[in-house]
Amino acid sequence: MAQHTGKHQIHHSLPGMVAVAVIFALTGYLLITNIRVNRSVTVTSDTAGLVEERVDKVNSLSSQVSRLSSRINSLKSSTSETNKAESDDPGSSTVLPAVKGPGVTVTLDDSPLWEQKLDESGSSATINDYVVHQQDLEGVINALWAGGAESMEIQNQRVLPTTAVRCVGNVLLIQGKKFSPPYTVSAIGPTQDMIDALDNSPTIQIYQQYVSSIGLGWKVETSASLTFPKATAVLQPLQYAKVDEKAKANE
């Protein structure tokens, strides 16, 4: 009998090679997809921490701006009489001066019944009816301006030309700071005119219906003397449209 000295060899077929390539490709795709999903989950879970970090940074920078603004105004006051007159112009100052006068304070608050409307999962389809919303605050602010308000504070924060009122859930964001209800809006100006403007506001009239039906918080107080401290007037640079020189040349 003849003796075979050769070894068994693997016979590679084209279909088998294609199948192996497809398997490796699918494995790589699943690995990349898993990495991307995990990365998104990590970013989402860290959002609250990032927000807190940014808020702390904003507070720190605001304090620095206030100190520097005070120094700038001190330097302005030591210049010539002409420059001093210019620095007294409210439009050129970096600090809003303190103001005092009669005014109105409006307080809005969530209904105490909102906790009873939560289901076992901590949510409810009607929970929004029991909390103060951004449009409610905007309605009060707009009515007070319409009534002749000369200066305003929201949560003891002076309202600047660049102030924006934003609500995320039932958290109010003003100038990088977060506030929870109750919310207070104070305005210095003609007291009776501002109260009349509140009563005539369609937005406030709708809010009053919820005050009566489900207990949303609402209180209006008048004062013979409100005092708003000075505040840094951080103005964003204004940007204007520019002429399209190319289009102009084609006219």
Protein backbone atom coordinates (compact mmCIF):
# COMPACT_ATOMS: atom_id res chain seq x y z
CA MET A 1 0.00 0.00 0.00
CA ALA A 2 1.38 3.35 -0.95
CA GLN A 3 2.18 5.68 1.95
CA HIS A 4 0.78 9.21 1.85
CA THR A 5 3.04 11.80 3.37
CA GLY A 6 1.01 14.90 2.46
CA LYS A 7 -1.19 16.98 4.90
CA HIS A 8 -4.89 17.78 4.72
CA GLN A 9 -5.34 21.22 3.15
CA ILE A 10 -8.23 23.66 3.54
CA HIS A 11 -10.03 24.31 0.30
CA HIS A 12 -11.15 27.93 0.15
CA SER A 13 -14.31 28.62 -1.82
CA LEU A 14 -15.45 32.05 -3.06
CA PRO A 15 -18.88 31.90 -1.30
CA GLY A 16 -17.20 31.07 1.99
CA MET A 17 -14.81 33.99 1.71
CA VAL A 18 -17.71 36.37 0.94
CA ALA A 19 -19.66 35.09 3.95
CA VAL A 20 -16.69 35.66 6.27
CA ALA A 21 -16.24 39.20 4.93
CA VAL A 22 -19.92 40.00 5.48
CA ILE A 23 -19.77 38.70 9.06
CA PHE A 24 -16.73 40.86 9.85
CA ALA A 25 -18.42 43.91 8.29
CA LEU A 26 -21.61 43.42 10.34
CA THR A 27 -19.59 42.92 13.51
CA GLY A 28 -17.73 46.18 12.94
CA TYR A 29 -20.97 48.05 12.21
CA LEU A 30 -22.61 46.78 15.42
CA LEU A 31 -19.50 47.72 17.44
CA ILE A 32 -19.47 51.31 16.08
CA THR A 33 -23.22 51.68 16.65
CA ASN A 34 -22.88 50.48 20.25
CA ILE A 35 -20.11 53.00 20.92
CA ARG A 36 -22.20 55.87 19.52
CA VAL A 37 -25.27 54.90 21.57
CA ASN A 38 -23.27 54.63 24.78
CA ARG A 39 -21.64 58.00 24.08
CA SER A 40 -25.09 59.64 23.64
CA VAL A 41 -26.35 58.12 26.89
CA THR A 42 -23.31 59.40 28.73
CA VAL A 43 -23.75 62.92 27.38
CA THR A 44 -27.45 62.92 28.29
CA SER A 45 -26.81 61.76 31.84
CA ASP A 46 -24.22 64.50 32.33
CA THR A 47 -26.47 67.35 31.10
CA ALA A 48 -27.66 68.37 34.57
CA GLY A 49 -24.10 68.52 35.85
CA LEU A 50 -22.99 70.60 32.88
CA VAL A 51 -25.87 73.04 33.44
CA GLU A 52 -24.91 73.47 37.10
CA GLU A 53 -21.28 74.03 36.10
CA ARG A 54 -22.29 76.68 33.53
CA VAL A 55 -24.54 78.45 36.06
CA ASP A 56 -21.67 78.64 38.57
CA LYS A 57 -19.43 80.03 35.82
CA VAL A 58 -22.03 82.66 34.87
CA ASN A 59 -22.38 83.76 38.50
CA SER A 60 -18.61 84.09 38.84
CA LEU A 61 -18.29 86.10 35.62
CA SER A 62 -21.23 88.33 36.60
CA SER A 63 -19.46 89.22 39.84
CA GLN A 64 -16.29 90.09 37.92
CA VAL A 65 -18.28 92.25 35.47
CA SER A 66 -19.91 94.12 38.36
CA ARG A 67 -16.54 94.87 39.97
CA LEU A 68 -15.00 96.02 36.69
CA SER A 69 -18.05 98.15 35.86
CA SER A 70 -17.76 99.92 39.22
CA ARG A 71 -14.10 100.66 38.51
CA ILE A 72 -14.94 102.00 35.05
CA ASN A 73 -17.56 104.37 36.45
CA SER A 74 -15.14 105.54 39.13
CA LEU A 75 -12.60 106.40 36.44
CA LYS A 76 -15.26 108.24 34.43
CA SER A 77 -16.21 110.39 37.42
CA SER A 78 -12.59 111.56 37.80
CA THR A 79 -12.29 112.90 34.24
CA SER A 80 -13.14 116.36 32.93
CA GLU A 81 -16.58 117.93 33.30
CA THR A 82 -17.36 117.21 29.66
CA ASN A 83 -16.60 113.53 29.97
CA LYS A 84 -18.47 113.45 33.27
CA ALA A 85 -21.59 114.80 31.56
CA GLU A 86 -21.35 112.07 28.94
CA SER A 87 -20.94 109.39 31.61
CA ASP A 88 -24.15 110.62 33.26
CA ASP A 89 -26.09 109.73 30.13
CA PRO A 90 -28.03 106.49 30.94
CA GLY A 91 -27.34 105.24 27.45
CA SER A 92 -23.56 105.40 27.84
CA SER A 93 -23.19 104.11 31.41
CA THR A 94 -22.17 100.56 32.15
CA VAL A 95 -24.26 100.59 35.35
CA LEU A 96 -27.98 101.23 35.78
CA PRO A 97 -28.41 103.70 38.65
CA ALA A 98 -30.47 102.85 41.71
CA VAL A 99 -34.10 103.98 41.43
CA LYS A 100 -36.85 104.61 43.98
CA GLY A 101 -40.55 105.37 43.72
CA PRO A 102 -44.12 104.08 44.03
CA GLY A 103 -44.83 100.78 42.37
CA VAL A 104 -46.55 97.42 42.13
CA THR A 105 -45.40 93.90 43.01
CA VAL A 106 -47.12 90.87 41.44
CA THR A 107 -46.57 87.36 42.80
CA LEU A 108 -47.44 84.19 40.86
CA ASP A 109 -47.23 80.67 42.27
CA ASP A 110 -48.03 77.06 41.38
CA SER A 111 -51.27 75.59 42.66
CA PRO A 112 -50.91 73.55 45.90
CA LEU A 113 -53.11 70.91 44.24
CA TRP A 114 -50.50 69.88 41.66
CA GLU A 115 -49.07 67.06 43.79
CA GLN A 116 -52.51 65.42 43.93
CA LYS A 117 -52.56 65.21 40.14
CA LEU A 118 -49.41 63.10 39.82
CA ASP A 119 -49.81 59.43 38.98
CA GLU A 120 -47.52 56.62 40.18
CA SER A 121 -44.96 57.40 37.49
CA GLY A 122 -44.67 61.01 38.68
CA SER A 123 -46.36 62.53 35.65
CA SER A 124 -49.82 63.68 34.64
CA ALA A 125 -51.44 64.80 31.43
CA THR A 126 -53.02 67.78 33.19
CA ILE A 127 -50.14 68.80 35.46
CA ASN A 128 -49.42 71.81 33.22
CA ASP A 129 -52.69 73.40 34.34
CA TYR A 130 -51.39 73.63 37.90
CA VAL A 131 -48.08 75.43 37.35
CA VAL A 132 -47.02 78.94 36.29
CA HIS A 133 -45.85 79.15 32.68
CA GLN A 134 -43.59 81.49 30.75
CA GLN A 135 -46.53 83.13 28.98
CA ASP A 136 -48.07 83.94 32.37
CA LEU A 137 -44.96 85.83 33.44
CA GLU A 138 -44.69 87.52 30.05
CA GLY A 139 -48.33 88.62 30.36
CA VAL A 140 -47.58 90.33 33.69
CA ILE A 141 -44.39 91.95 32.38
CA ASN A 142 -46.03 93.25 29.20
CA ALA A 143 -49.04 94.60 31.13
CA LEU A 144 -46.79 96.49 33.56
CA TRP A 145 -44.80 98.05 30.71
CA ALA A 146 -48.06 98.97 28.99
CA GLY A 147 -49.23 100.59 32.23
CA GLY A 148 -46.25 102.92 32.25
CA ALA A 149 -43.63 101.05 34.26
CA GLU A 150 -40.36 103.00 34.35
CA SER A 151 -38.15 100.30 35.85
CA MET A 152 -38.67 96.64 36.68
CA GLU A 153 -37.27 93.71 38.66
CA ILE A 154 -37.97 89.99 38.26
CA GLN A 155 -36.93 87.83 41.21
CA ASN A 156 -34.91 90.83 42.47
CA GLN A 157 -33.01 90.94 39.15
CA ARG A 158 -33.07 94.30 37.36
CA VAL A 159 -34.63 94.03 33.92
CA LEU A 160 -32.08 95.11 31.27
CA PRO A 161 -32.58 95.75 27.56
CA THR A 162 -31.12 92.29 26.97
CA THR A 163 -33.10 90.46 29.70
CA ALA A 164 -35.01 87.41 28.44
CA VAL A 165 -37.52 85.41 30.49
CA ARG A 166 -37.34 81.67 29.85
CA CYS A 167 -39.00 78.78 31.65
CA VAL A 168 -37.80 75.17 31.52
CA GLY A 169 -40.51 73.14 33.21
CA ASN A 170 -41.31 75.10 36.35
CA VAL A 171 -37.81 76.58 36.60
CA LEU A 172 -37.32 80.22 35.58
CA LEU A 173 -34.06 81.26 33.90
CA ILE A 174 -33.04 84.92 34.07
CA GLN A 175 -29.58 86.20 33.13
CA GLY A 176 -27.95 82.82 33.72
CA LYS A 177 -29.63 82.20 37.10
CA LYS A 178 -32.33 79.67 38.00
CA PHE A 179 -35.39 80.37 40.14
CA SER A 180 -38.29 78.28 41.43
CA PRO A 181 -41.80 79.54 42.22
CA PRO A 182 -43.22 81.70 43.67
CA TYR A 183 -42.24 84.32 41.09
CA THR A 184 -42.29 88.06 41.82
CA VAL A 185 -42.36 90.92 39.31
CA SER A 186 -41.95 94.45 40.70
CA ALA A 187 -42.29 97.68 38.74
CA ILE A 188 -41.82 101.35 39.61
CA GLY A 189 -44.23 103.72 37.92
CA PRO A 190 -47.82 104.99 37.98
CA THR A 191 -49.43 102.52 40.36
CA GLN A 192 -53.07 102.77 39.29
CA ASP A 193 -52.26 102.73 35.58
CA MET A 194 -50.26 99.53 35.99
CA ILE A 195 -53.04 97.86 37.99
CA ASP A 196 -55.56 98.84 35.31
CA ALA A 197 -53.27 97.37 32.64
CA LEU A 198 -53.09 94.09 34.57
CA ASP A 199 -56.90 93.94 34.87
CA ASN A 200 -57.34 94.63 31.14
CA SER A 201 -54.75 92.12 29.92
CA PRO A 202 -56.37 89.13 28.09
CA THR A 203 -53.49 86.89 29.21
CA ILE A 204 -54.02 87.83 32.86
CA GLN A 205 -57.77 87.34 32.53
CA ILE A 206 -57.21 83.75 31.37
CA TYR A 207 -54.74 83.21 34.24
CA GLN A 208 -57.35 84.52 36.70
CA GLN A 209 -59.76 81.81 35.56
CA TYR A 210 -57.24 79.18 36.68
CA VAL A 211 -56.71 81.09 39.92
CA SER A 212 -60.42 80.69 40.67
CA SER A 213 -60.80 77.09 39.47
CA ILE A 214 -57.62 75.29 40.60
CA GLY A 215 -55.90 77.70 42.97
CA LEU A 216 -52.97 79.14 41.02
CA GLY A 217 -51.20 81.74 43.15
CA TRP A 218 -51.89 85.42 42.42
CA LYS A 219 -51.23 88.49 44.55
CA VAL A 220 -50.94 92.17 43.65
CA GLU A 221 -49.44 94.60 46.17
CA THR A 222 -48.89 98.33 45.89
CA SER A 223 -46.15 100.27 47.60
CA ALA A 224 -45.57 103.97 48.14
CA SER A 225 -41.83 103.42 47.85
CA LEU A 226 -39.98 100.62 46.04
CA THR A 227 -36.18 100.70 45.76
CA PHE A 228 -34.18 98.94 43.06
CA PRO A 229 -30.39 98.85 43.60
CA LYS A 230 -27.97 99.71 40.83
CA ALA A 231 -27.14 96.93 38.41
CA THR A 232 -24.63 96.23 35.69
CA ALA A 233 -26.06 97.04 32.28
CA VAL A 234 -24.48 94.32 30.15
CA LEU A 235 -25.59 95.15 26.63
CA GLN A 236 -25.10 92.79 23.73
CA PRO A 237 -23.48 94.41 20.68
CA LEU A 238 -26.04 95.28 18.05
CA GLN A 239 -25.59 93.91 14.57
CA TYR A 240 -27.06 95.43 11.44
CA ALA A 241 -27.69 94.22 7.91
CA LYS A 242 -25.09 95.16 5.33
CA VAL A 243 -25.48 96.13 1.70
CA ASP A 244 -24.76 93.32 -0.73
CA GLU A 245 -22.20 95.12 -2.88
CA LYS A 246 -22.25 92.39 -5.54
CA ALA A 247 -26.03 92.57 -5.92
CA LYS A 248 -25.87 96.38 -5.95
CA ALA A 249 -23.29 96.33 -8.77
CA ASN A 250 -25.58 94.09 -10.86
CA GLU A 251 -28.49 96.55 -10.65
